[in-house]
C-alpha cells in the first residue's frame, strides 16, 4: 500500500473561531493541535471531555455561547479521559512543550471515569446525557478490499487499525467487545478477531494515544484497510472527507436496527467542585432539547 503524500486537512474546531488578528502557528505535520480548543487563560468555562464525540460537543459549546455570549469563550479538551483525570489530579496538561494549568469546571466521560472522580471527592454526582448508536467498519473510498462484514477482517489480506489497548483502554474495550459480539453472531472466531485487534504486527496497526484522529490518518495513508469504529466517528469522517472514506454497516447500526451484540457507550457529565460561574448552566444546556438534537444530528442518541 502506498502512503498518501499529505495528512488529512482537518476543519477548525472551537467554541469561538479566532479572528484574523490571531497569529497561527500550525501546519500539517508541524505544531498542529487538534484536541485542545479555546483560550485557557481567559475562558470563563473549562470543560474536560473524552474525545470521540468531539463533533457533537463542538456544536453544543458553540450553541451554548450563542445563548450565553457573556461567557466569552469555552476552553475544552477532546482527548482520551485517562490523561485528563491525571491532569485534574496533578499539575495540568502538557501539549508538546506547552503547559496548561487550567483545571475543568465540568467533566464529561464514561460512567466509570466519572465514578472514579466521585470516589476521589472531586465530583459529587454525574448523569448520562448521550449514548453512541453502535459501531461500523471504516474503509477507504471505493472499498478497495470489498469488505462487507466483520468476518472479512480475519483475512490475511486485510490490515486492521484499532485503538491502542494500553493507552486508550476505554475505546479499545468497546471495539474488542463489538468484534467479539459481531463475530459470534456471524459464526466466526471472535477470539481470533479480538487477538488480531490486540496484537500489533504485520496486519494490525495501533494508534498511539488519540484514535479518533490517528485511525483515519492510518487508513487514509494506506497503512491499514479497515477499522471497527464508533458509527458517529465514521459518519463524521465521511461527511468532512467524502472523497477519502466510506463506512460499512455492522449489525444494523445504519438501518437503526442495531444488534444487541454491537455495544454502545453512554456519556456522563458532572461538575468539578462547584463548577464555577457557568458550570451548572452548561450542564443544564447539555441536557436540553437543543443539545440533544445536536447529538442526534451527529449520529448519537440524546438521553434527556
C-alpha atoms as a PDB file:
ATOM      1  CA  UNK A   1       0.000   0.000   0.000  1.00  0.00           C
ATOM      2  CA  UNK A   2       1.321   3.441  -0.939  1.00  0.00           C
ATOM      3  CA  UNK A   3       1.112   6.128   1.779  1.00  0.00           C
ATOM      4  CA  UNK A   4      -0.625   9.366   0.922  1.00  0.00           C
ATOM      5  CA  UNK A   5       1.575  12.409   0.346  1.00  0.00           C
ATOM      6  CA  UNK A   6      -0.381  14.619   2.752  1.00  0.00           C
ATOM      7  CA  UNK A   7      -2.133  14.246   6.077  1.00  0.00           C
ATOM      8  CA  UNK A   8      -5.848  14.854   6.351  1.00  0.00           C
ATOM      9  CA  UNK A   9      -6.744  18.550   6.417  1.00  0.00           C
ATOM     10  CA  UNK A  10      -8.981  18.714   9.481  1.00  0.00           C
ATOM     11  CA  UNK A  11     -11.503  21.572   9.697  1.00  0.00           C
ATOM     12  CA  UNK A  12     -11.173  24.061  12.592  1.00  0.00           C
ATOM     13  CA  UNK A  13     -12.997  23.252  15.832  1.00  0.00           C
ATOM     14  CA  UNK A  14     -13.582  25.687  18.688  1.00  0.00           C
ATOM     15  CA  UNK A  15     -16.238  27.373  20.766  1.00  0.00           C
ATOM     16  CA  UNK A  16     -15.205  30.599  19.037  1.00  0.00           C
ATOM     17  CA  UNK A  17     -13.093  30.616  15.900  1.00  0.00           C
ATOM     18  CA  UNK A  18     -10.155  33.065  16.224  1.00  0.00           C
ATOM     19  CA  UNK A  19     -10.292  36.201  14.124  1.00  0.00           C
ATOM     20  CA  UNK A  20      -7.725  37.199  11.523  1.00  0.00           C
ATOM     21  CA  UNK A  21      -5.656  39.096  14.090  1.00  0.00           C
ATOM     22  CA  UNK A  22      -4.693  35.841  15.844  1.00  0.00           C
ATOM     23  CA  UNK A  23      -1.358  34.561  14.528  1.00  0.00           C
ATOM     24  CA  UNK A  24      -1.447  30.846  13.677  1.00  0.00           C
ATOM     25  CA  UNK A  25       1.482  28.532  14.339  1.00  0.00           C
ATOM     26  CA  UNK A  26       0.195  25.310  12.875  1.00  0.00           C
ATOM     27  CA  UNK A  27       0.549  23.322   9.694  1.00  0.00           C
ATOM     28  CA  UNK A  28       0.125  19.735   8.547  1.00  0.00           C
ATOM     29  CA  UNK A  29       2.888  17.789  10.257  1.00  0.00           C
ATOM     30  CA  UNK A  30       4.082  20.694  12.384  1.00  0.00           C
ATOM     31  CA  UNK A  31       2.680  22.067  15.665  1.00  0.00           C
ATOM     32  CA  UNK A  32      -0.856  21.036  14.765  1.00  0.00           C
ATOM     33  CA  UNK A  33      -3.029  20.792  17.908  1.00  0.00           C
ATOM     34  CA  UNK A  34      -6.489  19.371  17.231  1.00  0.00           C
ATOM     35  CA  UNK A  35      -7.993  18.394  20.582  1.00  0.00           C
ATOM     36  CA  UNK A  36      -7.452  21.472  22.747  1.00  0.00           C
ATOM     37  CA  UNK A  37      -9.882  24.269  21.933  1.00  0.00           C
ATOM     38  CA  UNK A  38     -10.172  27.879  23.011  1.00  0.00           C
ATOM     39  CA  UNK A  39      -8.189  30.142  25.327  1.00  0.00           C
ATOM     40  CA  UNK A  40      -7.448  28.557  28.733  1.00  0.00           C
ATOM     41  CA  UNK A  41      -6.225  31.898  30.100  1.00  0.00           C
ATOM     42  CA  UNK A  42      -9.409  33.898  29.521  1.00  0.00           C
ATOM     43  CA  UNK A  43     -12.268  31.416  29.040  1.00  0.00           C
ATOM     44  CA  UNK A  44     -14.941  31.656  31.719  1.00  0.00           C
ATOM     45  CA  UNK A  45     -15.769  27.971  31.405  1.00  0.00           C
ATOM     46  CA  UNK A  46     -13.427  24.976  31.101  1.00  0.00           C
ATOM     47  CA  UNK A  47     -14.685  21.528  30.071  1.00  0.00           C
ATOM     48  CA  UNK A  48     -12.605  18.343  30.062  1.00  0.00           C
ATOM     49  CA  UNK A  49     -14.220  15.730  27.811  1.00  0.00           C
ATOM     50  CA  UNK A  50     -13.378  12.408  26.267  1.00  0.00           C
ATOM     51  CA  UNK A  51     -12.936  12.897  22.556  1.00  0.00           C
ATOM     52  CA  UNK A  52     -14.831  10.525  20.331  1.00  0.00           C
ATOM     53  CA  UNK A  53     -17.989  12.677  20.308  1.00  0.00           C
ATOM     54  CA  UNK A  54     -15.988  15.862  19.672  1.00  0.00           C
ATOM     55  CA  UNK A  55     -18.062  16.905  16.655  1.00  0.00           C
ATOM     56  CA  UNK A  56     -21.291  16.990  18.693  1.00  0.00           C
ATOM     57  CA  UNK A  57     -19.594  18.676  21.639  1.00  0.00           C
ATOM     58  CA  UNK A  58     -18.257  21.431  19.397  1.00  0.00           C
ATOM     59  CA  UNK A  59     -21.750  22.087  18.068  1.00  0.00           C
ATOM     60  CA  UNK A  60     -23.032  22.268  21.634  1.00  0.00           C
ATOM     61  CA  UNK A  61     -20.412  24.637  23.031  1.00  0.00           C
ATOM     62  CA  UNK A  62     -20.969  26.961  20.080  1.00  0.00           C
ATOM     63  CA  UNK A  63     -24.725  26.861  20.655  1.00  0.00           C
ATOM     64  CA  UNK A  64     -24.199  27.420  24.392  1.00  0.00           C
ATOM     65  CA  UNK A  65     -22.110  30.528  23.669  1.00  0.00           C
ATOM     66  CA  UNK A  66     -24.750  31.788  21.252  1.00  0.00           C
ATOM     67  CA  UNK A  67     -27.273  31.644  24.109  1.00  0.00           C
ATOM     68  CA  UNK A  68     -24.789  32.962  26.700  1.00  0.00           C
ATOM     69  CA  UNK A  69     -22.403  35.396  24.949  1.00  0.00           C
ATOM     70  CA  UNK A  70     -21.273  36.828  28.279  1.00  0.00           C
ATOM     71  CA  UNK A  71     -19.291  33.603  28.859  1.00  0.00           C
ATOM     72  CA  UNK A  72     -16.847  34.946  26.264  1.00  0.00           C
ATOM     73  CA  UNK A  73     -15.089  31.668  25.473  1.00  0.00           C
ATOM     74  CA  UNK A  74     -15.067  27.998  26.471  1.00  0.00           C
ATOM     75  CA  UNK A  75     -11.784  26.133  26.822  1.00  0.00           C
ATOM     76  CA  UNK A  76     -12.475  22.464  26.180  1.00  0.00           C
ATOM     77  CA  UNK A  77     -10.497  19.308  25.521  1.00  0.00           C
ATOM     78  CA  UNK A  78     -11.392  16.220  23.481  1.00  0.00           C
ATOM     79  CA  UNK A  79      -8.780  13.608  24.370  1.00  0.00           C
ATOM     80  CA  UNK A  80      -8.915  10.142  25.946  1.00  0.00           C
ATOM     81  CA  UNK A  81     -10.193  10.505  29.531  1.00  0.00           C
ATOM     82  CA  UNK A  82      -7.289   8.971  31.482  1.00  0.00           C
ATOM     83  CA  UNK A  83      -4.799  11.821  30.793  1.00  0.00           C
ATOM     84  CA  UNK A  84      -7.499  14.339  31.707  1.00  0.00           C
ATOM     85  CA  UNK A  85      -8.034  12.646  35.069  1.00  0.00           C
ATOM     86  CA  UNK A  86      -4.286  12.781  35.683  1.00  0.00           C
ATOM     87  CA  UNK A  87      -4.253  16.472  34.709  1.00  0.00           C
ATOM     88  CA  UNK A  88      -7.137  17.205  37.078  1.00  0.00           C
ATOM     89  CA  UNK A  89      -5.434  15.441  39.975  1.00  0.00           C
ATOM     90  CA  UNK A  90      -1.964  16.765  39.136  1.00  0.00           C
ATOM     91  CA  UNK A  91      -0.380  19.893  37.706  1.00  0.00           C
ATOM     92  CA  UNK A  92      -2.306  20.266  34.458  1.00  0.00           C
ATOM     93  CA  UNK A  93      -1.663  19.277  30.856  1.00  0.00           C
ATOM     94  CA  UNK A  94       1.449  19.188  28.705  1.00  0.00           C
ATOM     95  CA  UNK A  95       0.865  19.612  24.970  1.00  0.00           C
ATOM     96  CA  UNK A  96       4.310  19.199  23.483  1.00  0.00           C
ATOM     97  CA  UNK A  97       6.367  21.926  25.127  1.00  0.00           C
ATOM     98  CA  UNK A  98       3.259  23.915  26.102  1.00  0.00           C
ATOM     99  CA  UNK A  99       1.994  23.650  29.685  1.00  0.00           C
ATOM    100  CA  UNK A 100      -1.686  24.272  30.506  1.00  0.00           C
ATOM    101  CA  UNK A 101      -2.539  24.598  34.181  1.00  0.00           C
ATOM    102  CA  UNK A 102      -6.257  25.351  33.753  1.00  0.00           C
ATOM    103  CA  UNK A 103      -8.490  22.895  35.620  1.00  0.00           C
ATOM    104  CA  UNK A 104     -12.019  21.996  34.477  1.00  0.00           C
ATOM    105  CA  UNK A 105     -15.351  23.213  35.767  1.00  0.00           C
ATOM    106  CA  UNK A 106     -17.163  20.337  34.038  1.00  0.00           C
ATOM    107  CA  UNK A 107     -16.004  16.805  33.223  1.00  0.00           C
ATOM    108  CA  UNK A 108     -17.544  14.561  30.534  1.00  0.00           C
ATOM    109  CA  UNK A 109     -16.740  10.899  30.031  1.00  0.00           C
ATOM    110  CA  UNK A 110     -17.797   7.294  30.548  1.00  0.00           C
ATOM    111  CA  UNK A 111     -19.616   6.345  33.745  1.00  0.00           C
ATOM    112  CA  UNK A 112     -16.655   4.526  35.318  1.00  0.00           C
ATOM    113  CA  UNK A 113     -14.345   7.502  34.792  1.00  0.00           C
ATOM    114  CA  UNK A 114     -16.705   9.956  36.481  1.00  0.00           C
ATOM    115  CA  UNK A 115     -17.473   7.495  39.254  1.00  0.00           C
ATOM    116  CA  UNK A 116     -13.751   7.477  39.954  1.00  0.00           C
ATOM    117  CA  UNK A 117     -13.875  11.256  40.313  1.00  0.00           C
ATOM    118  CA  UNK A 118     -16.703  10.894  42.823  1.00  0.00           C
ATOM    119  CA  UNK A 119     -14.631   8.422  44.846  1.00  0.00           C
ATOM    120  CA  UNK A 120     -11.729  10.882  44.737  1.00  0.00           C
ATOM    121  CA  UNK A 121     -14.040  13.617  46.153  1.00  0.00           C
ATOM    122  CA  UNK A 122     -13.597  15.732  43.015  1.00  0.00           C
ATOM    123  CA  UNK A 123     -17.242  15.393  41.969  1.00  0.00           C
ATOM    124  CA  UNK A 124     -20.430  14.782  43.915  1.00  0.00           C
ATOM    125  CA  UNK A 125     -22.627  13.274  41.204  1.00  0.00           C
ATOM    126  CA  UNK A 126     -22.965  12.814  37.460  1.00  0.00           C
ATOM    127  CA  UNK A 127     -25.629  11.795  34.965  1.00  0.00           C
ATOM    128  CA  UNK A 128     -25.805  10.317  31.449  1.00  0.00           C
ATOM    129  CA  UNK A 129     -26.842  12.693  28.682  1.00  0.00           C
ATOM    130  CA  UNK A 130     -25.929  10.920  25.415  1.00  0.00           C
ATOM    131  CA  UNK A 131     -25.196   7.480  24.002  1.00  0.00           C
ATOM    132  CA  UNK A 132     -23.474   6.083  20.923  1.00  0.00           C
ATOM    133  CA  UNK A 133     -25.512   4.120  18.356  1.00  0.00           C
ATOM    134  CA  UNK A 134     -23.018   1.281  17.944  1.00  0.00           C
ATOM    135  CA  UNK A 135     -20.044   0.513  15.726  1.00  0.00           C
ATOM    136  CA  UNK A 136     -19.375   0.139  11.998  1.00  0.00           C
ATOM    137  CA  UNK A 137     -16.399  -0.575   9.736  1.00  0.00           C
ATOM    138  CA  UNK A 138     -14.469   2.369   8.278  1.00  0.00           C
ATOM    139  CA  UNK A 139     -12.752   1.816   4.890  1.00  0.00           C
ATOM    140  CA  UNK A 140     -11.216   3.930   2.153  1.00  0.00           C
ATOM    141  CA  UNK A 141     -13.494   5.390  -0.526  1.00  0.00           C
ATOM    142  CA  UNK A 142     -14.448   2.725  -3.048  1.00  0.00           C
ATOM    143  CA  UNK A 143     -13.829  -0.039  -0.502  1.00  0.00           C
ATOM    144  CA  UNK A 144     -10.865  -1.456  -2.488  1.00  0.00           C
ATOM    145  CA  UNK A 145     -10.734  -4.715  -0.478  1.00  0.00           C
ATOM    146  CA  UNK A 146     -14.516  -5.256  -0.839  1.00  0.00           C
ATOM    147  CA  UNK A 147     -15.043  -5.564   2.913  1.00  0.00           C
ATOM    148  CA  UNK A 148     -18.703  -6.319   3.552  1.00  0.00           C
ATOM    149  CA  UNK A 149     -18.848  -7.779   7.075  1.00  0.00           C
ATOM    150  CA  UNK A 150     -16.832  -8.365  10.218  1.00  0.00           C
ATOM    151  CA  UNK A 151     -15.710 -11.845   9.097  1.00  0.00           C
ATOM    152  CA  UNK A 152     -13.750 -10.252   6.231  1.00  0.00           C
ATOM    153  CA  UNK A 153     -11.463  -8.605   8.790  1.00  0.00           C
ATOM    154  CA  UNK A 154      -9.986 -12.011   9.658  1.00  0.00           C
ATOM    155  CA  UNK A 155      -8.490 -12.353   6.191  1.00  0.00           C
ATOM    156  CA  UNK A 156      -4.694 -12.288   5.947  1.00  0.00           C
ATOM    157  CA  UNK A 157      -5.190  -9.877   3.057  1.00  0.00           C
ATOM    158  CA  UNK A 158      -6.789  -7.278   5.368  1.00  0.00           C
ATOM    159  CA  UNK A 159      -4.774  -4.979   7.638  1.00  0.00           C
ATOM    160  CA  UNK A 160      -6.796  -3.513  10.501  1.00  0.00           C
ATOM    161  CA  UNK A 161      -6.214  -0.498  12.712  1.00  0.00           C
ATOM    162  CA  UNK A 162      -7.577  -0.031  16.220  1.00  0.00           C
ATOM    163  CA  UNK A 163      -7.264   1.976  19.424  1.00  0.00           C
ATOM    164  CA  UNK A 164      -4.142   1.175  21.374  1.00  0.00           C
ATOM    165  CA  UNK A 165      -5.125  -1.365  24.061  1.00  0.00           C
ATOM    166  CA  UNK A 166      -2.659   0.191  26.519  1.00  0.00           C
ATOM    167  CA  UNK A 167      -3.065   3.946  26.019  1.00  0.00           C
ATOM    168  CA  UNK A 168      -6.758   4.017  25.010  1.00  0.00           C
ATOM    169  CA  UNK A 169      -8.343   1.286  27.058  1.00  0.00           C
ATOM    170  CA  UNK A 170     -11.834   2.839  27.042  1.00  0.00           C
ATOM    171  CA  UNK A 171     -12.367   2.830  23.279  1.00  0.00           C
ATOM    172  CA  UNK A 172     -10.318  -0.341  22.712  1.00  0.00           C
ATOM    173  CA  UNK A 173     -12.589  -2.282  25.074  1.00  0.00           C
ATOM    174  CA  UNK A 174     -15.674  -1.127  23.130  1.00  0.00           C
ATOM    175  CA  UNK A 175     -14.184  -2.185  19.799  1.00  0.00           C
ATOM    176  CA  UNK A 176     -12.981  -5.519  21.173  1.00  0.00           C
ATOM    177  CA  UNK A 177     -16.458  -6.192  22.574  1.00  0.00           C
ATOM    178  CA  UNK A 178     -18.025  -5.264  19.240  1.00  0.00           C
ATOM    179  CA  UNK A 179     -15.575  -7.517  17.369  1.00  0.00           C
ATOM    180  CA  UNK A 180     -16.322 -10.471  19.655  1.00  0.00           C
ATOM    181  CA  UNK A 181     -20.079  -9.972  19.583  1.00  0.00           C
ATOM    182  CA  UNK A 182     -20.438  -9.451  15.857  1.00  0.00           C
ATOM    183  CA  UNK A 183     -18.043 -12.312  15.053  1.00  0.00           C
ATOM    184  CA  UNK A 184     -20.041 -14.674  17.235  1.00  0.00           C
ATOM    185  CA  UNK A 185     -23.251 -13.516  15.571  1.00  0.00           C
ATOM    186  CA  UNK A 186     -21.658 -14.270  12.179  1.00  0.00           C
ATOM    187  CA  UNK A 187     -20.485 -17.690  13.453  1.00  0.00           C
ATOM    188  CA  UNK A 188     -16.797 -16.880  13.002  1.00  0.00           C
ATOM    189  CA  UNK A 189     -13.951 -16.971  15.516  1.00  0.00           C
ATOM    190  CA  UNK A 190     -14.420 -13.961  17.789  1.00  0.00           C
ATOM    191  CA  UNK A 191     -11.299 -14.762  19.823  1.00  0.00           C
ATOM    192  CA  UNK A 192      -9.194 -14.707  16.658  1.00  0.00           C
ATOM    193  CA  UNK A 193     -10.581 -11.333  15.623  1.00  0.00           C
ATOM    194  CA  UNK A 194     -10.034  -9.799  19.066  1.00  0.00           C
ATOM    195  CA  UNK A 195      -6.493 -11.180  19.044  1.00  0.00           C
ATOM    196  CA  UNK A 196      -5.911  -9.556  15.662  1.00  0.00           C
ATOM    197  CA  UNK A 197      -7.104  -6.203  17.009  1.00  0.00           C
ATOM    198  CA  UNK A 198      -4.991  -6.568  20.143  1.00  0.00           C
ATOM    199  CA  UNK A 199      -1.574  -7.675  18.921  1.00  0.00           C
ATOM    200  CA  UNK A 200       0.270  -5.184  16.729  1.00  0.00           C
ATOM    201  CA  UNK A 201       2.024  -6.756  13.768  1.00  0.00           C
ATOM    202  CA  UNK A 202       2.048  -7.071  10.005  1.00  0.00           C
ATOM    203  CA  UNK A 203      -1.757  -6.976   9.768  1.00  0.00           C
ATOM    204  CA  UNK A 204      -2.538  -4.726  12.752  1.00  0.00           C
ATOM    205  CA  UNK A 205      -1.667  -1.051  13.287  1.00  0.00           C
ATOM    206  CA  UNK A 206      -2.495   0.641  16.589  1.00  0.00           C
ATOM    207  CA  UNK A 207      -2.996   4.331  17.225  1.00  0.00           C
ATOM    208  CA  UNK A 208      -0.683   5.835  19.831  1.00  0.00           C
ATOM    209  CA  UNK A 209      -2.933   7.986  22.020  1.00  0.00           C
ATOM    210  CA  UNK A 210      -5.877   9.646  20.171  1.00  0.00           C
ATOM    211  CA  UNK A 211      -7.537   7.114  17.898  1.00  0.00           C
ATOM    212  CA  UNK A 212     -10.270   9.430  16.657  1.00  0.00           C
ATOM    213  CA  UNK A 213      -7.558  11.402  14.822  1.00  0.00           C
ATOM    214  CA  UNK A 214      -4.990   8.674  14.193  1.00  0.00           C
ATOM    215  CA  UNK A 215      -7.177   5.848  12.845  1.00  0.00           C
ATOM    216  CA  UNK A 216      -8.497   7.854   9.871  1.00  0.00           C
ATOM    217  CA  UNK A 217      -4.966   9.078   9.176  1.00  0.00           C
ATOM    218  CA  UNK A 218      -3.721   5.467   9.163  1.00  0.00           C
ATOM    219  CA  UNK A 219      -6.438   4.355   6.735  1.00  0.00           C
ATOM    220  CA  UNK A 220      -6.068   7.443   4.541  1.00  0.00           C
ATOM    221  CA  UNK A 221      -2.315   6.863   4.266  1.00  0.00           C
ATOM    222  CA  UNK A 222      -2.864   3.260   3.154  1.00  0.00           C
ATOM    223  CA  UNK A 223      -1.246   1.740   6.246  1.00  0.00           C
ATOM    224  CA  UNK A 224      -4.457  -0.176   7.042  1.00  0.00           C
ATOM    225  CA  UNK A 225      -7.582  -1.228   5.167  1.00  0.00           C
ATOM    226  CA  UNK A 226     -10.280  -1.036   7.822  1.00  0.00           C
ATOM    227  CA  UNK A 227     -11.224  -0.233  11.403  1.00  0.00           C
ATOM    228  CA  UNK A 228     -14.100  -1.148  13.677  1.00  0.00           C
ATOM    229  CA  UNK A 229     -15.091   2.256  14.990  1.00  0.00           C
ATOM    230  CA  UNK A 230     -17.992   4.200  16.506  1.00  0.00           C
ATOM    231  CA  UNK A 231     -20.683   4.941  13.941  1.00  0.00           C
ATOM    232  CA  UNK A 232     -20.685   8.645  14.830  1.00  0.00           C
ATOM    233  CA  UNK A 233     -16.946   8.876  14.159  1.00  0.00           C
ATOM    234  CA  UNK A 234     -17.259   7.094  10.806  1.00  0.00           C
ATOM    235  CA  UNK A 235     -20.161   9.388   9.943  1.00  0.00           C
ATOM    236  CA  UNK A 236     -18.021  12.419  10.774  1.00  0.00           C
ATOM    237  CA  UNK A 237     -15.165  11.219   8.573  1.00  0.00           C
ATOM    238  CA  UNK A 238     -17.441  10.523   5.606  1.00  0.00           C
ATOM    239  CA  UNK A 239     -19.005  13.973   5.990  1.00  0.00           C
ATOM    240  CA  UNK A 240     -15.807  16.016   6.164  1.00  0.00           C
ATOM    241  CA  UNK A 241     -13.706  13.776   3.907  1.00  0.00           C
ATOM    242  CA  UNK A 242     -16.298  12.371   1.455  1.00  0.00           C
ATOM    243  CA  UNK A 243     -13.678  11.574  -1.174  1.00  0.00           C
ATOM    244  CA  UNK A 244     -11.495   9.653   1.273  1.00  0.00           C
ATOM    245  CA  UNK A 245     -13.748   7.393   3.383  1.00  0.00           C
ATOM    246  CA  UNK A 246     -16.899   5.328   3.390  1.00  0.00           C
ATOM    247  CA  UNK A 247     -18.436   3.117   6.028  1.00  0.00           C
ATOM    248  CA  UNK A 248     -19.707  -0.448   6.024  1.00  0.00           C
ATOM    249  CA  UNK A 249     -22.692  -1.219   8.250  1.00  0.00           C
ATOM    250  CA  UNK A 250     -22.165  -3.707  11.054  1.00  0.00           C
ATOM    251  CA  UNK A 251     -25.031  -5.228  12.964  1.00  0.00           C
ATOM    252  CA  UNK A 252     -27.772  -2.927  11.690  1.00  0.00           C
ATOM    253  CA  UNK A 253     -26.458   0.369  13.080  1.00  0.00           C
ATOM    254  CA  UNK A 254     -27.052   2.393   9.910  1.00  0.00           C
ATOM    255  CA  UNK A 255     -30.559   0.992   9.434  1.00  0.00           C
ATOM    256  CA  UNK A 256     -31.443   1.811  13.038  1.00  0.00           C
ATOM    257  CA  UNK A 257     -31.949  -1.856  13.938  1.00  0.00           C
ATOM    258  CA  UNK A 258     -28.779  -2.426  15.920  1.00  0.00           C
ATOM    259  CA  UNK A 259     -27.909  -5.925  17.026  1.00  0.00           C
ATOM    260  CA  UNK A 260     -27.615  -6.270  20.825  1.00  0.00           C
ATOM    261  CA  UNK A 261     -24.183  -7.799  20.128  1.00  0.00           C
ATOM    262  CA  UNK A 262     -22.997  -4.389  18.870  1.00  0.00           C
ATOM    263  CA  UNK A 263     -22.287  -2.406  22.079  1.00  0.00           C
ATOM    264  CA  UNK A 264     -22.978   1.251  22.778  1.00  0.00           C
ATOM    265  CA  UNK A 265     -21.347   3.755  25.137  1.00  0.00           C
ATOM    266  CA  UNK A 266     -23.057   6.258  27.430  1.00  0.00           C
ATOM    267  CA  UNK A 267     -21.537   9.673  28.095  1.00  0.00           C
ATOM    268  CA  UNK A 268     -21.896  11.199  31.561  1.00  0.00           C
ATOM    269  CA  UNK A 269     -21.461  14.781  32.736  1.00  0.00           C
ATOM    270  CA  UNK A 270     -20.795  16.313  36.144  1.00  0.00           C
ATOM    271  CA  UNK A 271     -19.439  19.377  37.946  1.00  0.00           C
ATOM    272  CA  UNK A 272     -15.921  19.603  39.325  1.00  0.00           C
ATOM    273  CA  UNK A 273     -16.292  21.192  42.778  1.00  0.00           C
ATOM    274  CA  UNK A 274     -18.929  23.936  42.390  1.00  0.00           C
ATOM    275  CA  UNK A 275     -18.453  24.236  38.620  1.00  0.00           C
ATOM    276  CA  UNK A 276     -17.519  27.895  38.763  1.00  0.00           C
ATOM    277  CA  UNK A 277     -19.893  30.561  37.486  1.00  0.00           C
ATOM    278  CA  UNK A 278     -21.065  28.729  34.351  1.00  0.00           C
ATOM    279  CA  UNK A 279     -20.701  25.009  35.023  1.00  0.00           C
ATOM    280  CA  UNK A 280     -24.287  24.412  36.174  1.00  0.00           C
ATOM    281  CA  UNK A 281     -25.648  26.383  33.233  1.00  0.00           C
ATOM    282  CA  UNK A 282     -23.581  24.310  30.819  1.00  0.00           C
ATOM    283  CA  UNK A 283     -24.798  21.019  32.275  1.00  0.00           C
ATOM    284  CA  UNK A 284     -28.392  22.236  32.030  1.00  0.00           C
ATOM    285  CA  UNK A 285     -27.761  23.153  28.407  1.00  0.00           C
ATOM    286  CA  UNK A 286     -26.239  19.739  27.637  1.00  0.00           C
ATOM    287  CA  UNK A 287     -29.440  18.166  28.991  1.00  0.00           C
ATOM    288  CA  UNK A 288     -31.667  20.470  26.932  1.00  0.00           C
ATOM    289  CA  UNK A 289     -33.556  19.601  23.753  1.00  0.00           C
ATOM    290  CA  UNK A 290     -31.171  21.819  21.754  1.00  0.00           C
ATOM    291  CA  UNK A 291     -28.077  19.848  22.785  1.00  0.00           C
ATOM    292  CA  UNK A 292     -29.894  16.551  22.464  1.00  0.00           C
ATOM    293  CA  UNK A 293     -30.902  17.322  18.883  1.00  0.00           C
ATOM    294  CA  UNK A 294     -27.306  18.286  18.052  1.00  0.00           C
ATOM    295  CA  UNK A 295     -26.081  14.927  19.349  1.00  0.00           C
ATOM    296  CA  UNK A 296     -28.771  13.191  17.293  1.00  0.00           C
ATOM    297  CA  UNK A 297     -27.645  15.155  14.217  1.00  0.00           C
ATOM    298  CA  UNK A 298     -24.112  13.867  14.660  1.00  0.00           C
ATOM    299  CA  UNK A 299     -25.078  10.208  14.876  1.00  0.00           C
ATOM    300  CA  UNK A 300     -25.566   9.745  18.616  1.00  0.00           C
ATOM    301  CA  UNK A 301     -28.623   9.453  20.847  1.00  0.00           C
ATOM    302  CA  UNK A 302     -29.642  12.203  23.267  1.00  0.00           C
ATOM    303  CA  UNK A 303     -30.809  10.639  26.546  1.00  0.00           C
ATOM    304  CA  UNK A 304     -32.550  13.539  28.296  1.00  0.00           C
END
